Every structure is written in structure tokens, then in C-alpha cells.
Amino acid sequence: MATRNPTGYCPRCGQDVLLTRKDIDWGIAILLLCFTGGIGLIIYLVIYYSKPQDRCIHCNTHILSGSSQYSQPSQISQNKSISSKDLQKVEHFESEQPKYCPFCGEQLKSSNVKFCSHCGTKI
């Protein structure tokens, strides 16, 4: 079944996942609201919502553009049109600690936890 929500291939999760934007920085939003009379906040929100959804909902990994066409990680290294710079980005994101539980999607309290506090899955 097809979905209208943006999806992409997450190299960390190893599957096609739904995508989301990076969270709103509420500190900046409050400062813009106070010091610009709300106009700065409106501009900030327009810029925020104009950015593409490019993060995995499970682990918050940045998804490279055009990576939704790959169904297996081995296809990335076999494709000659992918530059070594893009592969280095994928390796860099794979080394980051997860910020969300890969099983239930709950946000983790810190990056060095071993189990999800919501569902108990080993991270």
C-alpha cells in the first residue's frame, strides 16, 4: 500500500522508513517571538516548513537525497554514480548514537542508554 508521506532508505535501520524534519528549536522560537514581535517567528516557521523531511523517524539519521531508490545497502556501493563523499556521509551517520528507539520510535533520554525506557528493547 502506497503512502503520501515521504519515505526513504535509512542505512542505519536497514529499511525504508517514514521521514520527518529536525525538531523546532523552541529557544530560538521564543526569542524571535519576544524580540521581533512575532514577525521573526513567522519567518522562522516558513523556513522550517519549507525544508524537506529528511530524517528517519526511528533513529533521527539524516537520509541522503535520492537514497530511497536503494533497497539494499550493497546496492549503494555497487552504484558507480554515488560519490565517495556520499558514502563517507553514510558511514558518519552510521557511527552516531541513536536518538530514538528503533523498535517503538520513542525518544531516548540520553545517547548512552542500553535499553529503551518505553518498551525495554536493547538499543
C-alpha atoms as a PDB file:
ATOM      1  CA  MET A   1       0.000   0.000   0.000  1.00  0.00           C
ATOM      2  CA  ALA A   2       1.446   3.370  -1.043  1.00  0.00           C
ATOM      3  CA  THR A   3       1.608   6.354   1.267  1.00  0.00           C
ATOM      4  CA  ARG A   4       1.731  10.074   0.560  1.00  0.00           C
ATOM      5  CA  ASN A   5       4.124  10.602   3.455  1.00  0.00           C
ATOM      6  CA  PRO A   6       7.781  10.949   2.437  1.00  0.00           C
ATOM      7  CA  THR A   7       9.821   7.779   2.775  1.00  0.00           C
ATOM      8  CA  GLY A   8      13.472   6.961   2.273  1.00  0.00           C
ATOM      9  CA  TYR A   9      16.011   4.230   2.850  1.00  0.00           C
ATOM     10  CA  CYS A  10      17.719   4.511   6.252  1.00  0.00           C
ATOM     11  CA  PRO A  11      21.185   2.903   6.183  1.00  0.00           C
ATOM     12  CA  ARG A  12      21.218   2.629   9.969  1.00  0.00           C
ATOM     13  CA  CYS A  13      17.840   0.875  10.282  1.00  0.00           C
ATOM     14  CA  GLY A  14      18.367  -1.055   7.042  1.00  0.00           C
ATOM     15  CA  GLN A  15      14.860  -0.442   5.695  1.00  0.00           C
ATOM     16  CA  ASP A  16      12.572   2.076   4.045  1.00  0.00           C
ATOM     17  CA  VAL A  17      11.227   4.382   6.753  1.00  0.00           C
ATOM     18  CA  LEU A  18       8.970   7.407   7.095  1.00  0.00           C
ATOM     19  CA  LEU A  19      10.816  10.713   7.187  1.00  0.00           C
ATOM     20  CA  THR A  20      10.457  13.728   9.451  1.00  0.00           C
ATOM     21  CA  ARG A  21      12.084  17.137   9.889  1.00  0.00           C
ATOM     22  CA  LYS A  22      14.585  18.079  12.539  1.00  0.00           C
ATOM     23  CA  ASP A  23      12.753  19.349  15.645  1.00  0.00           C
ATOM     24  CA  ILE A  24      11.929  23.044  16.052  1.00  0.00           C
ATOM     25  CA  ASP A  25      14.408  24.906  18.250  1.00  0.00           C
ATOM     26  CA  TRP A  26      11.966  26.278  20.815  1.00  0.00           C
ATOM     27  CA  GLY A  27      14.569  28.559  22.416  1.00  0.00           C
ATOM     28  CA  ILE A  28      15.084  30.412  19.155  1.00  0.00           C
ATOM     29  CA  ALA A  29      11.329  30.434  18.525  1.00  0.00           C
ATOM     30  CA  ILE A  30      10.638  32.098  21.898  1.00  0.00           C
ATOM     31  CA  LEU A  31      13.417  34.657  21.398  1.00  0.00           C
ATOM     32  CA  LEU A  32      12.121  35.519  17.934  1.00  0.00           C
ATOM     33  CA  LEU A  33       8.604  35.863  19.295  1.00  0.00           C
ATOM     34  CA  CYS A  34       9.711  38.230  22.074  1.00  0.00           C
ATOM     35  CA  PHE A  35      12.254  40.396  20.254  1.00  0.00           C
ATOM     36  CA  THR A  36      10.660  40.717  16.812  1.00  0.00           C
ATOM     37  CA  GLY A  37       7.012  40.981  17.753  1.00  0.00           C
ATOM     38  CA  GLY A  38       6.212  37.648  16.153  1.00  0.00           C
ATOM     39  CA  ILE A  39       7.422  38.517  12.638  1.00  0.00           C
ATOM     40  CA  GLY A  40      10.718  36.693  13.144  1.00  0.00           C
ATOM     41  CA  LEU A  41       8.848  33.642  14.418  1.00  0.00           C
ATOM     42  CA  ILE A  42       6.643  33.598  11.320  1.00  0.00           C
ATOM     43  CA  ILE A  43       9.714  33.781   9.068  1.00  0.00           C
ATOM     44  CA  TYR A  44      11.410  31.023  11.102  1.00  0.00           C
ATOM     45  CA  LEU A  45       8.350  28.761  10.751  1.00  0.00           C
ATOM     46  CA  VAL A  46       8.106  29.411   6.995  1.00  0.00           C
ATOM     47  CA  ILE A  47      11.765  28.430   6.583  1.00  0.00           C
ATOM     48  CA  TYR A  48      11.321  25.412   8.876  1.00  0.00           C
ATOM     49  CA  TYR A  49       8.337  24.026   6.953  1.00  0.00           C
ATOM     50  CA  SER A  50       9.948  24.729   3.564  1.00  0.00           C
ATOM     51  CA  LYS A  51      12.840  22.373   4.398  1.00  0.00           C
ATOM     52  CA  PRO A  52      12.409  18.787   3.194  1.00  0.00           C
ATOM     53  CA  GLN A  53      11.652  15.955   5.552  1.00  0.00           C
ATOM     54  CA  ASP A  54      14.978  14.111   5.569  1.00  0.00           C
ATOM     55  CA  ARG A  55      15.390  12.329   8.926  1.00  0.00           C
ATOM     56  CA  CYS A  56      14.499   8.769   9.926  1.00  0.00           C
ATOM     57  CA  ILE A  57      11.630   8.666  12.450  1.00  0.00           C
ATOM     58  CA  HIS A  58      13.312   5.847  14.386  1.00  0.00           C
ATOM     59  CA  CYS A  59      16.963   6.862  14.757  1.00  0.00           C
ATOM     60  CA  ASN A  60      16.947  10.517  13.517  1.00  0.00           C
ATOM     61  CA  THR A  61      19.614   9.671  10.926  1.00  0.00           C
ATOM     62  CA  HIS A  62      19.910  12.191   8.110  1.00  0.00           C
ATOM     63  CA  ILE A  63      18.742  10.487   4.900  1.00  0.00           C
ATOM     64  CA  LEU A  64      20.702  11.412   1.778  1.00  0.00           C
ATOM     65  CA  SER A  65      18.636  12.714  -1.109  1.00  0.00           C
ATOM     66  CA  GLY A  66      17.889  10.069  -3.697  1.00  0.00           C
ATOM     67  CA  SER A  67      18.642   7.202  -1.326  1.00  0.00           C
ATOM     68  CA  SER A  68      15.039   5.948  -1.390  1.00  0.00           C
ATOM     69  CA  GLN A  69      15.804   4.137  -4.646  1.00  0.00           C
ATOM     70  CA  TYR A  70      18.070   1.645  -2.859  1.00  0.00           C
ATOM     71  CA  SER A  71      16.500  -1.323  -1.164  1.00  0.00           C
ATOM     72  CA  GLN A  72      19.735  -2.954  -0.003  1.00  0.00           C
ATOM     73  CA  PRO A  73      22.892  -1.348   1.439  1.00  0.00           C
ATOM     74  CA  SER A  74      25.013  -3.364  -1.003  1.00  0.00           C
ATOM     75  CA  GLN A  75      23.378  -1.518  -3.908  1.00  0.00           C
ATOM     76  CA  ILE A  76      24.825   1.762  -2.664  1.00  0.00           C
ATOM     77  CA  SER A  77      28.411   0.568  -3.009  1.00  0.00           C
ATOM     78  CA  GLN A  78      27.705  -1.114  -6.385  1.00  0.00           C
ATOM     79  CA  ASN A  79      26.289   2.044  -7.973  1.00  0.00           C
ATOM     80  CA  LYS A  80      29.090   3.986  -9.680  1.00  0.00           C
ATOM     81  CA  SER A  81      27.188   7.301  -9.693  1.00  0.00           C
ATOM     82  CA  ILE A  82      27.420   7.582  -5.881  1.00  0.00           C
ATOM     83  CA  SER A  83      30.486   9.594  -4.934  1.00  0.00           C
ATOM     84  CA  SER A  84      32.881   8.650  -2.163  1.00  0.00           C
ATOM     85  CA  LYS A  85      31.806  11.818  -0.356  1.00  0.00           C
ATOM     86  CA  ASP A  86      28.222  10.483  -0.124  1.00  0.00           C
ATOM     87  CA  LEU A  87      29.492   7.127   1.145  1.00  0.00           C
ATOM     88  CA  GLN A  88      31.548   8.914   3.823  1.00  0.00           C
ATOM     89  CA  LYS A  89      28.377  10.730   4.918  1.00  0.00           C
ATOM     90  CA  VAL A  90      26.548   7.412   5.241  1.00  0.00           C
ATOM     91  CA  GLU A  91      29.412   5.941   7.295  1.00  0.00           C
ATOM     92  CA  HIS A  92      29.467   9.062   9.505  1.00  0.00           C
ATOM     93  CA  PHE A  93      25.739   8.814  10.206  1.00  0.00           C
ATOM     94  CA  GLU A  94      26.031   5.100  10.941  1.00  0.00           C
ATOM     95  CA  SER A  95      28.574   5.869  13.680  1.00  0.00           C
ATOM     96  CA  GLU A  96      26.241   8.289  15.522  1.00  0.00           C
ATOM     97  CA  GLN A  97      24.362   7.078  18.593  1.00  0.00           C
ATOM     98  CA  PRO A  98      20.600   6.627  18.113  1.00  0.00           C
ATOM     99  CA  LYS A  99      18.313   9.314  19.492  1.00  0.00           C
ATOM    100  CA  TYR A 100      15.141   7.264  19.022  1.00  0.00           C
ATOM    101  CA  CYS A 101      14.289   3.650  19.833  1.00  0.00           C
ATOM    102  CA  PRO A 102      14.481   1.617  16.608  1.00  0.00           C
ATOM    103  CA  PHE A 103      11.578  -0.558  17.783  1.00  0.00           C
ATOM    104  CA  CYS A 104       8.938   1.840  19.122  1.00  0.00           C
ATOM    105  CA  GLY A 105      10.284   5.242  17.958  1.00  0.00           C
ATOM    106  CA  GLU A 106      10.279   6.755  21.462  1.00  0.00           C
ATOM    107  CA  GLN A 107      12.929   9.451  22.023  1.00  0.00           C
ATOM    108  CA  LEU A 108      15.815   8.226  24.200  1.00  0.00           C
ATOM    109  CA  LYS A 109      16.708  10.291  27.260  1.00  0.00           C
ATOM    110  CA  SER A 110      20.466  10.098  26.593  1.00  0.00           C
ATOM    111  CA  SER A 111      22.675   8.726  23.838  1.00  0.00           C
ATOM    112  CA  ASN A 112      24.448   6.142  26.027  1.00  0.00           C
ATOM    113  CA  VAL A 113      21.421   4.150  27.250  1.00  0.00           C
ATOM    114  CA  LYS A 114      21.379   0.404  26.642  1.00  0.00           C
ATOM    115  CA  PHE A 115      17.620  -0.178  26.837  1.00  0.00           C
ATOM    116  CA  CYS A 116      14.575   1.835  25.794  1.00  0.00           C
ATOM    117  CA  SER A 117      12.732   3.199  28.836  1.00  0.00           C
ATOM    118  CA  HIS A 118       9.393   2.901  26.993  1.00  0.00           C
ATOM    119  CA  CYS A 119       9.425  -0.623  25.517  1.00  0.00           C
ATOM    120  CA  GLY A 120      12.552  -2.198  27.055  1.00  0.00           C
ATOM    121  CA  THR A 121      14.200  -3.084  23.731  1.00  0.00           C
ATOM    122  CA  LYS A 122      18.001  -3.353  23.758  1.00  0.00           C
ATOM    123  CA  ILE A 123      19.497  -0.427  21.838  1.00  0.00           C
END
